[in-house]
C-alpha atoms as a PDB file:
ATOM      1  CA  LYS A   1      -0.169  -0.283   0.229  1.00  0.00           C
ATOM      2  CA  MET A   2       2.546   2.603   0.707  1.00  0.00           C
ATOM      3  CA  ALA A   3       4.484   1.492  -2.262  1.00  0.00           C
ATOM      4  CA  LYS A   4       1.251   2.510  -4.475  1.00  0.00           C
ATOM      5  CA  ALA A   5       0.826   5.557  -2.377  1.00  0.00           C
ATOM      6  CA  LYS A   6       4.211   6.840  -3.199  1.00  0.00           C
ATOM      7  CA  THR A   7       3.534   6.028  -7.545  1.00  0.00           C
ATOM      8  CA  VAL A   8       0.163   8.661  -6.750  1.00  0.00           C
ATOM      9  CA  ALA A   9       2.204  11.065  -4.783  1.00  0.00           C
ATOM     10  CA  GLY A  10       4.982  10.601  -6.626  1.00  0.00           C
ATOM     11  CA  PRO A  11       7.986  13.199  -5.056  1.00  0.00           C
ATOM     12  CA  LEU A  12       6.020  15.305  -2.516  1.00  0.00           C
ATOM     13  CA  PRO A  13       5.540  13.890   0.834  1.00  0.00           C
ATOM     14  CA  LEU A  14       2.302  11.857   1.675  1.00  0.00           C
ATOM     15  CA  LEU A  15       1.865  14.670   4.142  1.00  0.00           C
ATOM     16  CA  ASP A  16       3.312  17.652   5.363  1.00  0.00           C
ATOM     17  CA  VAL A  17       2.918  19.116   9.288  1.00  0.00           C
ATOM     18  CA  HIS A  18       3.521  22.678   9.737  1.00  0.00           C
ATOM     19  CA  PRO A  19       4.066  24.460  12.676  1.00  0.00           C
ATOM     20  CA  PHE A  20       1.760  27.385  14.032  1.00  0.00           C
ATOM     21  CA  HIS A  21       3.934  30.684  15.076  1.00  0.00           C
ATOM     22  CA  LYS A  22       2.782  32.936  17.392  1.00  0.00           C
ATOM     23  CA  LYS A  23       1.449  36.127  15.473  1.00  0.00           C
ATOM     24  CA  ARG A  24       0.586  39.966  15.822  1.00  0.00           C
ATOM     25  CA  ALA A  25      -2.437  40.928  14.406  1.00  0.00           C
ATOM     26  CA  GLY A  26      -4.248  44.092  13.667  1.00  0.00           C
ATOM     27  CA  VAL A  27      -7.678  44.553  13.068  1.00  0.00           C
ATOM     28  CA  VAL A  28     -10.070  47.275  11.444  1.00  0.00           C
ATOM     29  CA  THR A  29     -13.340  47.424  12.253  1.00  0.00           C
ATOM     30  CA  THR A  30     -15.492  49.471   9.896  1.00  0.00           C
ATOM     31  CA  GLY A  31     -19.143  50.613   9.597  1.00  0.00           C
ATOM     32  CA  ASN A  32     -20.732  53.943  10.055  1.00  0.00           C
ATOM     33  CA  GLU A  33     -22.639  52.267  12.644  1.00  0.00           C
ATOM     34  CA  VAL A  34     -19.997  51.034  15.258  1.00  0.00           C
ATOM     35  CA  PHE A  35     -18.286  54.404  14.395  1.00  0.00           C
ATOM     36  CA  HIS A  36     -20.607  56.923  15.394  1.00  0.00           C
ATOM     37  CA  GLY A  37     -21.862  54.299  18.241  1.00  0.00           C
ATOM     38  CA  ARG A  38     -25.185  53.420  17.421  1.00  0.00           C
ATOM     39  CA  ILE A  39     -24.676  49.798  17.673  1.00  0.00           C
ATOM     40  CA  GLU A  40     -21.848  48.024  19.482  1.00  0.00           C
ATOM     41  CA  ASP A  41     -18.484  46.121  17.923  1.00  0.00           C
ATOM     42  CA  THR A  42     -19.083  42.586  18.739  1.00  0.00           C
ATOM     43  CA  PHE A  43     -17.259  41.314  16.234  1.00  0.00           C
ATOM     44  CA  THR A  44     -14.051  42.537  17.331  1.00  0.00           C
ATOM     45  CA  PRO A  45     -14.258  40.203  20.577  1.00  0.00           C
ATOM     46  CA  VAL A  46     -15.133  37.085  18.369  1.00  0.00           C
ATOM     47  CA  ILE A  47     -11.601  37.599  16.751  1.00  0.00           C
ATOM     48  CA  GLU A  48      -9.559  37.713  19.429  1.00  0.00           C
ATOM     49  CA  SER A  49     -11.163  34.953  21.228  1.00  0.00           C
ATOM     50  CA  LYS A  50     -10.491  32.711  17.671  1.00  0.00           C
ATOM     51  CA  LEU A  51      -6.847  34.661  17.575  1.00  0.00           C
ATOM     52  CA  ALA A  52      -6.370  33.773  21.165  1.00  0.00           C
ATOM     53  CA  GLU A  53      -6.983  30.098  20.161  1.00  0.00           C
ATOM     54  CA  PHE A  54      -3.721  30.023  18.588  1.00  0.00           C
ATOM     55  CA  ASP A  55      -2.099  31.955  20.846  1.00  0.00           C
ATOM     56  CA  ALA A  56      -1.977  35.073  18.874  1.00  0.00           C
ATOM     57  CA  GLU A  57      -2.758  38.629  19.392  1.00  0.00           C
ATOM     58  CA  MET A  58      -4.525  41.137  18.287  1.00  0.00           C
ATOM     59  CA  ALA A  59      -1.936  43.694  18.724  1.00  0.00           C
ATOM     60  CA  MET A  60      -3.714  46.809  17.321  1.00  0.00           C
ATOM     61  CA  HIS A  61      -7.235  48.086  16.265  1.00  0.00           C
ATOM     62  CA  LYS A  62      -8.745  50.300  14.595  1.00  0.00           C
ATOM     63  CA  VAL A  63     -12.947  51.877  14.372  1.00  0.00           C
ATOM     64  CA  LEU A  64     -13.472  53.429  11.000  1.00  0.00           C
ATOM     65  CA  ALA A  65     -16.297  54.314   9.036  1.00  0.00           C
ATOM     66  CA  ASP A  66     -16.795  53.761   5.866  1.00  0.00           C
ATOM     67  CA  ASP A  67     -14.229  55.360   4.233  1.00  0.00           C
ATOM     68  CA  PRO A  68     -12.200  53.625   2.283  1.00  0.00           C
ATOM     69  CA  ALA A  69      -8.914  55.366   2.093  1.00  0.00           C
ATOM     70  CA  ALA A  70      -9.198  55.741   5.886  1.00  0.00           C
ATOM     71  CA  ILE A  71      -9.547  52.130   5.773  1.00  0.00           C
ATOM     72  CA  THR A  72      -6.612  51.691   3.627  1.00  0.00           C
ATOM     73  CA  ALA A  73      -4.288  54.012   5.524  1.00  0.00           C
ATOM     74  CA  ALA A  74      -5.068  51.839   8.706  1.00  0.00           C
ATOM     75  CA  ILE A  75      -4.749  48.451   7.022  1.00  0.00           C
ATOM     76  CA  ARG A  76      -1.156  50.659   6.027  1.00  0.00           C
ATOM     77  CA  GLU A  77      -0.173  51.875   9.058  1.00  0.00           C
ATOM     78  CA  MET A  78      -0.436  48.097  10.811  1.00  0.00           C
ATOM     79  CA  LEU A  79       1.633  46.116   8.320  1.00  0.00           C
ATOM     80  CA  ASP A  80       4.442  49.696   8.516  1.00  0.00           C
ATOM     81  CA  ALA A  81       3.947  48.293  12.326  1.00  0.00           C
ATOM     82  CA  GLY A  82       5.198  44.846  11.540  1.00  0.00           C
ATOM     83  CA  MET A  83       1.744  43.234  11.911  1.00  0.00           C
ATOM     84  CA  ASP A  84       1.548  39.867  10.621  1.00  0.00           C
ATOM     85  CA  MET A  85      -2.053  40.037   9.197  1.00  0.00           C
ATOM     86  CA  VAL A  86      -4.728  42.029   9.304  1.00  0.00           C
ATOM     87  CA  PHE A  87      -8.685  41.291   9.657  1.00  0.00           C
ATOM     88  CA  CYS A  88     -10.919  43.647   8.553  1.00  0.00           C
ATOM     89  CA  THR A  89     -14.431  43.331   9.797  1.00  0.00           C
ATOM     90  CA  GLY A  90     -17.816  44.789   8.320  1.00  0.00           C
ATOM     91  CA  GLY A  91     -18.322  46.478   5.136  1.00  0.00           C
ATOM     92  CA  MET A  92     -17.908  43.254   2.693  1.00  0.00           C
ATOM     93  CA  SER A  93     -21.097  42.880   1.275  1.00  0.00           C
ATOM     94  CA  VAL A  94     -22.273  44.134  -2.120  1.00  0.00           C
ATOM     95  CA  ASP A  95     -24.017  47.126  -0.457  1.00  0.00           C
ATOM     96  CA  PRO A  96     -23.590  50.349  -1.508  1.00  0.00           C
ATOM     97  CA  ASP A  97     -21.966  51.979   1.834  1.00  0.00           C
ATOM     98  CA  ASP A  98     -19.609  48.563   1.668  1.00  0.00           C
ATOM     99  CA  GLN A  99     -16.123  49.979   1.285  1.00  0.00           C
ATOM    100  CA  THR A 100     -13.701  47.118   2.862  1.00  0.00           C
ATOM    101  CA  PRO A 101     -13.152  45.348  -0.386  1.00  0.00           C
ATOM    102  CA  LEU A 102     -11.910  48.497  -2.044  1.00  0.00           C
ATOM    103  CA  ALA A 103     -10.206  49.823   0.616  1.00  0.00           C
ATOM    104  CA  ILE A 104      -8.140  46.232   1.020  1.00  0.00           C
ATOM    105  CA  LYS A 105      -7.588  46.234  -3.068  1.00  0.00           C
ATOM    106  CA  ASN A 106      -6.219  49.583  -2.523  1.00  0.00           C
ATOM    107  CA  THR A 107      -3.295  48.846  -0.582  1.00  0.00           C
ATOM    108  CA  GLY A 108      -2.175  47.025  -3.366  1.00  0.00           C
ATOM    109  CA  ALA A 109      -1.983  44.132  -1.867  1.00  0.00           C
ATOM    110  CA  ARG A 110      -2.477  40.984  -4.077  1.00  0.00           C
ATOM    111  CA  ILE A 111      -6.185  39.478  -4.389  1.00  0.00           C
ATOM    112  CA  VAL A 112      -6.416  35.648  -3.692  1.00  0.00           C
ATOM    113  CA  SER A 113     -10.428  35.762  -3.715  1.00  0.00           C
ATOM    114  CA  TYR A 114     -13.158  37.454  -2.939  1.00  0.00           C
ATOM    115  CA  GLY A 115     -15.786  35.532  -2.520  1.00  0.00           C
ATOM    116  CA  ALA A 116     -15.868  31.594  -0.855  1.00  0.00           C
ATOM    117  CA  PRO A 117     -17.948  28.301  -1.565  1.00  0.00           C
ATOM    118  CA  VAL A 118     -18.674  28.301   2.192  1.00  0.00           C
ATOM    119  CA  LEU A 119     -21.747  29.039   4.568  1.00  0.00           C
ATOM    120  CA  PRO A 120     -21.261  30.672   6.438  1.00  0.00           C
ATOM    121  CA  GLY A 121     -18.676  32.845   5.093  1.00  0.00           C
ATOM    122  CA  ALA A 122     -19.437  33.467   1.285  1.00  0.00           C
ATOM    123  CA  MET A 123     -18.391  37.212   1.121  1.00  0.00           C
ATOM    124  CA  PHE A 124     -14.909  36.289   2.301  1.00  0.00           C
ATOM    125  CA  LEU A 125     -11.933  38.142   1.037  1.00  0.00           C
ATOM    126  CA  LEU A 126      -8.554  37.019   0.966  1.00  0.00           C
ATOM    127  CA  ALA A 127      -5.500  39.434  -0.028  1.00  0.00           C
ATOM    128  CA  TYR A 128      -1.469  38.864   0.257  1.00  0.00           C
ATOM    129  CA  THR A 129       1.178  41.882   0.596  1.00  0.00           C
ATOM    130  CA  GLU A 130       4.393  41.528  -1.664  1.00  0.00           C
ATOM    131  CA  ASP A 131       5.921  40.240   1.390  1.00  0.00           C
ATOM    132  CA  ASN A 132       3.431  37.489   1.772  1.00  0.00           C
ATOM    133  CA  ARG A 133       1.415  38.990   5.006  1.00  0.00           C
ATOM    134  CA  PRO A 134      -2.526  38.122   4.979  1.00  0.00           C
ATOM    135  CA  VAL A 135      -4.852  40.984   4.471  1.00  0.00           C
ATOM    136  CA  VAL A 136      -8.414  39.432   5.448  1.00  0.00           C
ATOM    137  CA  GLY A 137     -11.740  40.631   4.857  1.00  0.00           C
ATOM    138  CA  LEU A 138     -14.090  39.178   7.328  1.00  0.00           C
ATOM    139  CA  PRO A 139     -17.413  38.478   6.397  1.00  0.00           C
ATOM    140  CA  GLY A 140     -20.603  39.045   9.049  1.00  0.00           C
ATOM    141  CA  CYS A 141     -21.486  35.962   9.724  1.00  0.00           C
ATOM    142  CA  VAL A 142     -17.965  35.266  11.894  1.00  0.00           C
ATOM    143  CA  MET A 143     -19.442  37.544  14.582  1.00  0.00           C
ATOM    144  CA  TYR A 144     -22.693  35.431  15.182  1.00  0.00           C
ATOM    145  CA  ALA A 145     -22.104  31.769  13.538  1.00  0.00           C
ATOM    146  CA  LYS A 146     -20.150  29.387  15.458  1.00  0.00           C
ATOM    147  CA  ARG A 147     -17.488  28.093  13.186  1.00  0.00           C
ATOM    148  CA  THR A 148     -17.106  29.756   9.797  1.00  0.00           C
ATOM    149  CA  ILE A 149     -14.495  30.188   6.244  1.00  0.00           C
ATOM    150  CA  PHE A 150     -12.611  32.062   9.003  1.00  0.00           C
ATOM    151  CA  ASP A 151     -12.399  28.631  10.852  1.00  0.00           C
ATOM    152  CA  LEU A 152     -10.808  26.913   7.939  1.00  0.00           C
ATOM    153  CA  VAL A 153      -8.515  29.465   6.654  1.00  0.00           C
ATOM    154  CA  LEU A 154      -6.717  30.741  10.273  1.00  0.00           C
ATOM    155  CA  PRO A 155      -5.339  27.682  10.623  1.00  0.00           C
ATOM    156  CA  SER A 156      -3.096  27.824   7.092  1.00  0.00           C
ATOM    157  CA  LEU A 157      -2.496  32.010   8.035  1.00  0.00           C
ATOM    158  CA  MET A 158      -1.324  31.064  11.181  1.00  0.00           C
ATOM    159  CA  ALA A 159       1.665  28.600   9.757  1.00  0.00           C
ATOM    160  CA  ASP A 160       2.644  30.494   7.077  1.00  0.00           C
ATOM    161  CA  VAL A 161       1.030  27.803   4.513  1.00  0.00           C
ATOM    162  CA  PRO A 162      -0.025  30.016   1.602  1.00  0.00           C
ATOM    163  CA  VAL A 163      -3.874  29.393   0.704  1.00  0.00           C
ATOM    164  CA  LYS A 164      -4.406  29.890  -3.003  1.00  0.00           C
ATOM    165  CA  ALA A 165      -7.818  30.664  -4.898  1.00  0.00           C
ATOM    166  CA  SER A 166      -8.008  26.353  -5.442  1.00  0.00           C
ATOM    167  CA  ASP A 167      -7.709  25.827  -1.984  1.00  0.00           C
ATOM    168  CA  LEU A 168     -10.650  27.771  -1.298  1.00  0.00           C
ATOM    169  CA  SER A 169     -12.462  26.302  -4.235  1.00  0.00           C
ATOM    170  CA  ARG A 170     -12.201  22.853  -2.628  1.00  0.00           C
ATOM    171  CA  LEU A 171     -14.021  23.916   0.393  1.00  0.00           C
ATOM    172  CA  GLY A 172     -16.729  24.237  -1.329  1.00  0.00           C
ATOM    173  CA  GLU A 173     -17.041  20.222  -0.745  1.00  0.00           C
ATOM    174  CA  GLY A 174     -18.197  20.185   2.688  1.00  0.00           C
ATOM    175  CA  GLY A 175     -18.520  24.085   2.141  1.00  0.00           C
ATOM    176  CA  LEU A 176     -22.424  24.052   4.578  1.00  0.00           C
ATOM    177  CA  CYS A 177     -21.973  24.313   8.175  1.00  0.00           C
ATOM    178  CA  LEU A 178     -24.883  22.135   9.549  1.00  0.00           C
ATOM    179  CA  ASN A 179     -24.861  23.752  12.622  1.00  0.00           C
ATOM    180  CA  CYS A 180     -25.463  20.860  14.443  1.00  0.00           C
ATOM    181  CA  PRO A 181     -26.540  20.926  18.030  1.00  0.00           C
ATOM    182  CA  VAL A 182     -23.603  19.791  18.960  1.00  0.00           C
ATOM    183  CA  CYS A 183     -20.722  21.201  17.652  1.00  0.00           C
ATOM    184  CA  THR A 184     -17.504  19.000  17.414  1.00  0.00           C
ATOM    185  CA  PHE A 185     -15.417  20.833  14.547  1.00  0.00           C
ATOM    186  CA  PRO A 186     -12.937  20.330  13.376  1.00  0.00           C
ATOM    187  CA  ASN A 187     -14.238  16.796  14.029  1.00  0.00           C
ATOM    188  CA  CYS A 188     -16.727  17.173  10.938  1.00  0.00           C
ATOM    189  CA  GLY A 189     -17.391  17.198   7.196  1.00  0.00           C
ATOM    190  CA  PHE A 190     -17.462  21.035   7.012  1.00  0.00           C
ATOM    191  CA  GLY A 191     -14.831  22.004   4.680  1.00  0.00           C
ATOM    192  CA  LYS A 192     -13.851  18.624   3.784  1.00  0.00           C
END
């Protein structure tokens, strides 16, 4: 069986194990409603919690209105300050005031994908800077759904494994979280 597996895999190893690295992240919270205090920011604590699962810290945080130039400037400021990755919340849908995808694009980061065949998480955006630091636009579902596209991609980001568009496409098989009464993620079919 091992000999047959070697012929199928070719010169590549059958399995790669990549260690997680301690990371410092910046979070840009966007949205006029949050910026002007009309609603509470319940998104940022979720990101902090998910980062803590990997012993990562949210080292910078800014709350901004739906102003693409200001969002772009904040992302660049965080990258210039040495953040290993930047997460943007809010403004990821297709409404006219959703400016975050444009702001990420204006940083000059290479967009891998805007959209993923995963529910919850279809409006996910992943981009990489020239030095391969991820800039991520997180859809609103990350704020309220227990497991989302963020949970599927974050381990790769923490291990410095580049995520390609083809990797995101493959998540479509098993890409529907069934919201089981007792969540057993990652021991389930979500994203597999």
